[in-house]
Amino acid sequence: MTAESSAISVDNLTKHFGDFKAVEKLTFDIPQNGVVGFVGPNGAGKSTTIRMLLGLIKATSGTGSVLGHPINKPSAFTKKIGALIESPALYKGLTGADNLRLFTKLRGLNANVIDEVLNTVGLYDRRDDRVATYSLGMKQRLAIAISLLGEPELLILDEPTNGLDPAGIIEIRELLRKLGQNGKTVFVSSHLLSEIERLVEHVVLINDGRLVFSGQLDDLLLQASHIIRVRPENHEDISKLQKLLGHEDMEVEVSTDSILIDGNSTSSVEVDRIAHQSGIFLRELRIEKETLEDVFIRLTRKQVTQGDSN
C-alpha cells in the first residue's frame, strides 16, 4: 500500500510538547473504503495524531498524508474530508434541518444535500423537531450529519460514541457501518476495544504514543492465545502452585483468586497433573481464548518490556 493509494499514511510521525512525548514515531497506512479503528486507552495519543492529520497542529517530525496530500498542506484535502473532533455547538432552539442549513451557509456548502444527509443518519423523520428534544445519540448523529454535508470521501471521527448509553452506541455503530459499506472511508478513534471489534475490518492500535499494531483485525485476532485458568480450592495454594508451574517453564500470571497460564506453553492436562501430584485440589480448571483487549494488553506489555531492554 502506497501513500497515494492510502486514505491516510504516516511515517515516523512524532509530536512532543516540551519534554512530553505525546506521539512517537508512528508509522501506518490505512486503506480506502470501509471503517478503520484507531484504538488506544485515554491519553494514548489518538486525538493528538488526529489533530496532526487535520493540520490543526504541526508535527515535531515525521511525515503524513491524507488522500495523497501531505498533512502540512491541509488546504489540498480539507474539502474532501469531514471531521468530528469535538461535538459542534448545536443550536437547541432550532430544528435539526435548520442546524444543517446554518452550517451550509457558514461553510459555503450546497444545501441541496441536507435531506439526503438527514436520511443517511436516520433523522429525516425528526428533521423539523427542535434539537432540544433529541436524545444524546440523536445529537451525535446530527453532528455526524454536519461532517457529511460536504459529501466527503473520508470521515475522521474522534471518540464518536463517548458518553453514549448502549442504545446510542448501537445507533452510531450501525451508522458508521452503513457509511463504510456505501464507499466512504471512516477513520474512527475509540478506547472501547469491544465496540471496535464489532465494527471494523482494519485496526491501528497505539499506546503511550507508540504503535502497537496496524493491519487487518482478523490478523490481530489470530495472535490470540489460549489461556488456562486455574483456581485452587484453598486460596493459600495459589503461591505454591505458581512456583511449581514456574519451575516447569510455564508462563504464569496471578489474578485475584486464580492463576492464568499461557496455553501455548503447556496443556491443561499437564497443569492438572502437577496440581494433583502436589496435593493441590482445584476448584476450577478451564481454557479461555484471549479477547481483543487481552491481546492488546499482552502486546503492550511486550512493547514496554522490549523498550526497557533497548
Protein backbone atom coordinates (compact mmCIF):
# COMPACT_ATOMS: atom_id res chain seq x y z
CA MET A 1 0.00 0.00 0.00
CA THR A 2 1.46 3.35 -1.07
CA ALA A 3 0.76 6.80 0.35
CA GLU A 4 -1.02 7.67 -2.91
CA SER A 5 -3.40 4.69 -2.66
CA SER A 6 -3.97 5.02 1.10
CA ALA A 7 -6.67 7.11 2.72
CA ILE A 8 -4.18 8.00 5.45
CA SER A 9 -0.45 7.30 5.58
CA VAL A 10 2.04 8.34 8.27
CA ASP A 11 5.77 7.72 8.53
CA ASN A 12 7.59 8.24 11.84
CA LEU A 13 5.01 10.87 12.81
CA THR A 14 6.07 12.47 16.09
CA LYS A 15 4.71 15.17 18.37
CA HIS A 16 6.43 16.43 21.51
CA PHE A 17 5.09 19.06 23.89
CA GLY A 18 8.27 20.14 25.63
CA ASP A 19 9.67 17.01 27.24
CA PHE A 20 6.35 15.15 26.92
CA LYS A 21 6.27 12.66 24.03
CA ALA A 22 2.61 12.63 23.02
CA VAL A 23 3.19 10.71 19.77
CA GLU A 24 6.44 8.91 18.99
CA LYS A 25 7.43 7.68 15.51
CA LEU A 26 4.02 6.42 14.38
CA THR A 27 4.07 4.62 11.04
CA PHE A 28 0.94 3.12 9.47
CA ASP A 29 -1.21 3.11 6.34
CA ILE A 30 -4.95 2.66 6.16
CA PRO A 31 -6.86 1.58 3.05
CA GLN A 32 -9.60 3.50 1.30
CA ASN A 33 -13.23 2.41 1.74
CA GLY A 34 -14.62 0.83 4.89
CA VAL A 35 -14.31 1.54 8.60
CA VAL A 36 -10.90 1.65 10.27
CA GLY A 37 -10.49 1.64 14.04
CA PHE A 38 -7.89 3.83 15.73
CA VAL A 39 -7.71 2.35 19.19
CA GLY A 40 -5.91 3.02 22.43
CA PRO A 41 -6.60 3.94 26.05
CA ASN A 42 -7.34 7.52 27.04
CA GLY A 43 -4.13 9.53 26.77
CA ALA A 44 -2.59 7.19 24.18
CA GLY A 45 -2.12 9.98 21.63
CA LYS A 46 -5.16 9.40 19.41
CA SER A 47 -6.51 12.95 19.49
CA THR A 48 -3.04 14.44 19.03
CA THR A 49 -2.48 12.23 15.98
CA ILE A 50 -5.84 13.21 14.51
CA ARG A 51 -5.10 16.91 15.02
CA MET A 52 -1.81 16.48 13.15
CA LEU A 53 -3.61 14.67 10.32
CA LEU A 54 -6.06 17.54 10.01
CA GLY A 55 -3.31 20.17 10.04
CA LEU A 56 -4.57 21.67 13.31
CA ILE A 57 -1.17 21.23 14.95
CA LYS A 58 2.26 20.73 13.40
CA ALA A 59 4.22 17.53 13.80
CA THR A 60 7.56 17.74 15.59
CA SER A 61 8.99 15.38 12.98
CA GLY A 62 7.94 12.71 10.53
CA THR A 63 5.53 12.93 7.61
CA GLY A 64 1.96 12.06 6.80
CA SER A 65 -0.58 12.27 4.01
CA VAL A 66 -4.35 12.36 3.75
CA LEU A 67 -5.91 11.24 0.46
CA GLY A 68 -2.46 11.51 -1.11
CA HIS A 69 -1.79 15.08 0.04
CA PRO A 70 0.83 15.99 2.69
CA ILE A 71 -0.58 16.93 6.08
CA ASN A 72 1.46 20.15 6.11
CA LYS A 73 -0.74 21.35 3.21
CA PRO A 74 -4.26 20.74 4.60
CA SER A 75 -5.90 23.11 2.11
CA ALA A 76 -5.30 20.41 -0.53
CA PHE A 77 -7.60 17.90 1.17
CA THR A 78 -9.89 19.65 3.68
CA LYS A 79 -12.78 19.85 1.18
CA LYS A 80 -12.56 16.09 0.66
CA ILE A 81 -12.88 15.16 4.33
CA GLY A 82 -15.40 15.50 7.11
CA ALA A 83 -14.26 15.55 10.71
CA LEU A 84 -15.80 15.35 14.15
CA ILE A 85 -13.18 16.15 16.78
CA GLU A 86 -15.42 17.68 19.40
CA SER A 87 -19.20 17.82 19.13
CA PRO A 88 -20.11 21.03 17.29
CA ALA A 89 -22.20 23.64 19.06
CA LEU A 90 -25.72 22.63 18.08
CA TYR A 91 -28.45 25.23 18.34
CA LYS A 92 -31.02 23.50 20.54
CA GLY A 93 -33.75 26.01 19.77
CA LEU A 94 -33.51 25.25 16.04
CA THR A 95 -34.70 22.14 14.24
CA GLY A 96 -32.27 19.52 13.01
CA ALA A 97 -32.75 20.68 9.43
CA ASP A 98 -32.25 24.34 10.36
CA ASN A 99 -28.99 23.48 12.12
CA LEU A 100 -27.74 21.91 8.89
CA ARG A 101 -28.91 24.88 6.83
CA LEU A 102 -26.96 27.18 9.13
CA PHE A 103 -23.78 25.10 8.76
CA THR A 104 -24.08 25.01 4.96
CA LYS A 105 -24.31 28.82 4.91
CA LEU A 106 -21.34 29.22 7.24
CA ARG A 107 -19.20 26.87 5.14
CA GLY A 108 -20.49 27.81 1.71
CA LEU A 109 -21.78 24.29 1.03
CA ASN A 110 -24.63 23.02 -1.11
CA ALA A 111 -27.87 22.96 0.92
CA ASN A 112 -29.47 20.50 -1.52
CA VAL A 113 -27.80 17.57 0.27
CA ILE A 114 -29.48 18.27 3.63
CA ASP A 115 -32.42 15.89 3.21
CA GLU A 116 -30.13 13.17 1.86
CA VAL A 117 -27.74 13.56 4.79
CA LEU A 118 -30.58 13.52 7.33
CA ASN A 119 -31.88 10.34 5.74
CA THR A 120 -28.39 8.78 5.89
CA VAL A 121 -28.09 9.38 9.64
CA GLY A 122 -31.67 8.30 10.32
CA LEU A 123 -33.02 11.70 11.33
CA TYR A 124 -35.16 12.58 8.31
CA ASP A 125 -38.41 11.95 10.20
CA ARG A 126 -37.21 14.23 13.02
CA ARG A 127 -35.81 16.97 10.78
CA ASP A 128 -38.48 19.50 11.81
CA ASP A 129 -38.16 18.82 15.55
CA ARG A 130 -36.09 21.10 17.75
CA VAL A 131 -32.70 19.69 18.71
CA ALA A 132 -33.64 20.24 22.37
CA THR A 133 -35.98 17.24 22.02
CA TYR A 134 -33.24 14.95 20.65
CA SER A 135 -31.59 12.22 22.69
CA LEU A 136 -27.81 12.33 23.16
CA GLY A 137 -27.42 9.65 20.47
CA MET A 138 -29.55 11.66 18.05
CA LYS A 139 -27.49 14.78 18.71
CA GLN A 140 -24.34 12.82 17.94
CA ARG A 141 -25.89 11.55 14.69
CA LEU A 142 -26.75 15.15 13.81
CA ALA A 143 -23.11 16.08 14.48
CA ILE A 144 -22.03 13.33 12.08
CA ALA A 145 -24.57 14.67 9.58
CA ILE A 146 -22.78 18.04 9.75
CA SER A 147 -19.50 16.30 8.87
CA LEU A 148 -21.23 14.73 5.84
CA LEU A 149 -22.53 17.99 4.37
CA GLY A 150 -19.52 18.45 2.08
CA GLU A 151 -20.00 14.92 0.63
CA PRO A 152 -16.53 13.87 1.86
CA GLU A 153 -14.51 10.88 0.71
CA LEU A 154 -13.04 10.43 4.19
CA LEU A 155 -14.57 10.84 7.64
CA ILE A 156 -12.33 11.30 10.68
CA LEU A 157 -14.24 10.85 13.92
CA ASP A 158 -12.66 11.20 17.36
CA GLU A 159 -14.46 9.09 20.00
CA PRO A 160 -17.95 9.50 18.44
CA THR A 161 -19.57 7.14 20.99
CA ASN A 162 -18.08 8.83 24.05
CA GLY A 163 -20.70 9.34 26.76
CA LEU A 164 -23.47 7.48 24.93
CA ASP A 165 -25.66 4.83 26.51
CA PRO A 166 -25.73 1.32 24.96
CA ALA A 167 -28.62 2.22 22.65
CA GLY A 168 -26.80 5.31 21.40
CA ILE A 169 -23.60 3.32 20.83
CA ILE A 170 -25.51 0.79 18.72
CA GLU A 171 -27.06 3.61 16.66
CA ILE A 172 -23.66 5.12 15.90
CA ARG A 173 -22.13 1.71 15.17
CA GLU A 174 -24.83 0.89 12.62
CA LEU A 175 -24.49 4.32 11.02
CA LEU A 176 -20.71 4.03 10.64
CA ARG A 177 -21.03 0.51 9.27
CA LYS A 178 -23.52 1.76 6.66
CA LEU A 179 -21.24 4.64 5.66
CA GLY A 180 -18.34 2.23 5.18
CA GLN A 181 -20.47 -0.12 3.10
CA ASN A 182 -21.52 2.80 0.90
CA GLY A 183 -17.94 3.53 -0.16
CA LYS A 184 -16.75 6.08 2.37
CA THR A 185 -13.58 5.67 4.40
CA VAL A 186 -14.34 6.13 8.10
CA PHE A 187 -11.37 6.57 10.45
CA VAL A 188 -12.84 6.29 13.93
CA SER A 189 -10.94 6.54 17.19
CA SER A 190 -12.10 4.82 20.35
CA HIS A 191 -10.87 3.49 23.67
CA LEU A 192 -13.64 0.84 23.58
CA LEU A 193 -11.91 -2.21 22.13
CA SER A 194 -15.02 -4.36 22.40
CA GLU A 195 -17.02 -1.86 20.36
CA ILE A 196 -14.36 -1.50 17.65
CA GLU A 197 -14.14 -5.29 17.35
CA ARG A 198 -17.80 -5.34 16.26
CA LEU A 199 -17.37 -2.60 13.68
CA VAL A 200 -14.08 -2.63 11.77
CA GLU A 201 -12.00 -4.84 9.50
CA HIS A 202 -8.79 -2.82 9.78
CA VAL A 203 -7.36 -1.54 13.05
CA VAL A 204 -4.49 0.64 14.29
CA LEU A 205 -3.58 0.17 17.96
CA ILE A 206 -1.45 2.67 19.85
CA ASN A 207 -0.34 3.07 23.45
CA ASP A 208 1.71 5.85 25.05
CA GLY A 209 2.01 7.46 21.62
CA ARG A 210 3.62 4.39 20.04
CA LEU A 211 2.31 1.92 17.51
CA VAL A 212 1.31 -1.48 18.90
CA PHE A 213 -0.31 -3.00 15.79
CA SER A 214 -1.59 -1.96 12.37
CA GLY A 215 -3.40 -4.28 9.98
CA GLN A 216 -6.44 -6.46 9.46
CA LEU A 217 -8.47 -7.19 12.59
CA ASP A 218 -8.52 -10.89 11.65
CA ASP A 219 -4.70 -10.93 11.63
CA LEU A 220 -4.66 -9.42 15.10
CA LEU A 221 -7.17 -11.93 16.42
CA LEU A 222 -5.04 -14.76 15.01
CA GLN A 223 -2.47 -13.71 17.60
CA ALA A 224 -4.93 -14.51 20.38
CA SER A 225 -3.58 -17.19 22.69
CA HIS A 226 -5.43 -19.73 24.77
CA ILE A 227 -5.28 -19.15 28.50
CA ILE A 228 -5.61 -21.87 31.11
CA ARG A 229 -7.38 -20.55 34.20
CA VAL A 230 -6.73 -22.47 37.41
CA ARG A 231 -8.41 -21.77 40.75
CA PRO A 232 -7.25 -23.86 43.72
CA GLU A 233 -9.76 -24.96 46.36
CA ASN A 234 -7.65 -23.24 49.01
CA HIS A 235 -6.52 -19.69 48.32
CA GLU A 236 -3.26 -20.39 50.17
CA ASP A 237 -2.27 -22.86 47.45
CA ILE A 238 -2.07 -20.16 44.76
CA SER A 239 1.52 -19.14 45.52
CA LYS A 240 2.57 -22.79 45.92
CA LEU A 241 1.08 -23.78 42.56
CA GLN A 242 2.52 -20.67 40.92
CA LYS A 243 6.03 -21.71 41.95
CA LEU A 244 5.50 -25.30 40.80
CA LEU A 245 4.27 -24.21 37.37
CA GLY A 246 7.07 -21.66 37.10
CA HIS A 247 9.63 -24.39 37.67
CA GLU A 248 8.18 -26.14 34.60
CA ASP A 249 8.96 -23.03 32.49
CA MET A 250 5.29 -22.16 32.10
CA GLU A 251 4.30 -18.52 31.57
CA VAL A 252 2.23 -17.79 34.66
CA GLU A 253 0.31 -14.76 35.89
CA VAL A 254 -1.67 -14.48 39.12
CA SER A 255 -5.04 -12.72 39.27
CA THR A 256 -7.15 -12.18 42.39
CA ASP A 257 -8.10 -15.80 43.06
CA SER A 258 -6.75 -17.64 40.02
CA ILE A 259 -3.60 -18.47 38.11
CA LEU A 260 -3.51 -17.70 34.39
CA ILE A 261 -1.19 -19.83 32.26
CA ASP A 262 -0.23 -19.28 28.62
CA GLY A 263 -1.92 -22.15 26.81
CA ASN A 264 0.81 -22.14 24.18
CA SER A 265 3.40 -23.14 26.78
CA THR A 266 1.60 -26.19 28.19
CA SER A 267 -1.68 -28.13 28.32
CA SER A 268 -4.49 -28.26 30.85
CA VAL A 269 -3.73 -31.96 31.36
CA GLU A 270 -0.17 -31.14 32.43
CA VAL A 271 -1.37 -28.43 34.81
CA ASP A 272 -3.88 -30.82 36.37
CA ARG A 273 -1.15 -33.48 36.77
CA ILE A 274 1.21 -31.10 38.57
CA ALA A 275 -1.55 -29.92 40.92
CA HIS A 276 -2.71 -33.48 41.66
CA GLN A 277 0.81 -34.76 42.37
CA SER A 278 1.37 -31.88 44.78
CA GLY A 279 -1.86 -32.49 46.67
CA ILE A 280 -3.48 -29.29 45.46
CA PHE A 281 -7.22 -29.61 44.85
CA LEU A 282 -8.60 -27.47 42.03
CA ARG A 283 -11.98 -25.79 42.15
CA GLU A 284 -11.68 -24.63 38.54
CA LEU A 285 -9.60 -25.59 35.51
CA ARG A 286 -10.74 -24.23 32.16
CA ILE A 287 -9.41 -22.97 28.86
CA GLU A 288 -10.24 -19.44 27.68
CA LYS A 289 -9.40 -17.63 24.45
CA GLU A 290 -7.98 -14.13 24.68
CA THR A 291 -10.27 -11.27 23.80
CA LEU A 292 -9.09 -8.35 21.67
CA GLU A 293 -8.47 -6.45 24.89
CA ASP A 294 -6.34 -9.33 26.23
CA VAL A 295 -4.25 -9.32 23.04
CA PHE A 296 -3.81 -5.55 23.23
CA ILE A 297 -2.66 -5.70 26.86
CA ARG A 298 -0.22 -8.52 26.11
CA LEU A 299 1.25 -6.74 23.07
CA THR A 300 1.52 -3.52 25.07
CA ARG A 301 3.30 -5.31 27.90
CA LYS A 302 5.68 -6.88 25.38
CA GLN A 303 6.32 -3.46 23.82
CA VAL A 304 7.18 -1.96 27.22
CA THR A 305 9.50 -4.87 28.04
CA GLN A 306 11.32 -4.51 24.73
CA GLY A 307 11.59 -0.76 25.27
CA ASP A 308 13.14 -1.29 28.69
CA SER A 309 15.72 -3.69 27.26
CA ASN A 310 16.79 -1.31 24.48
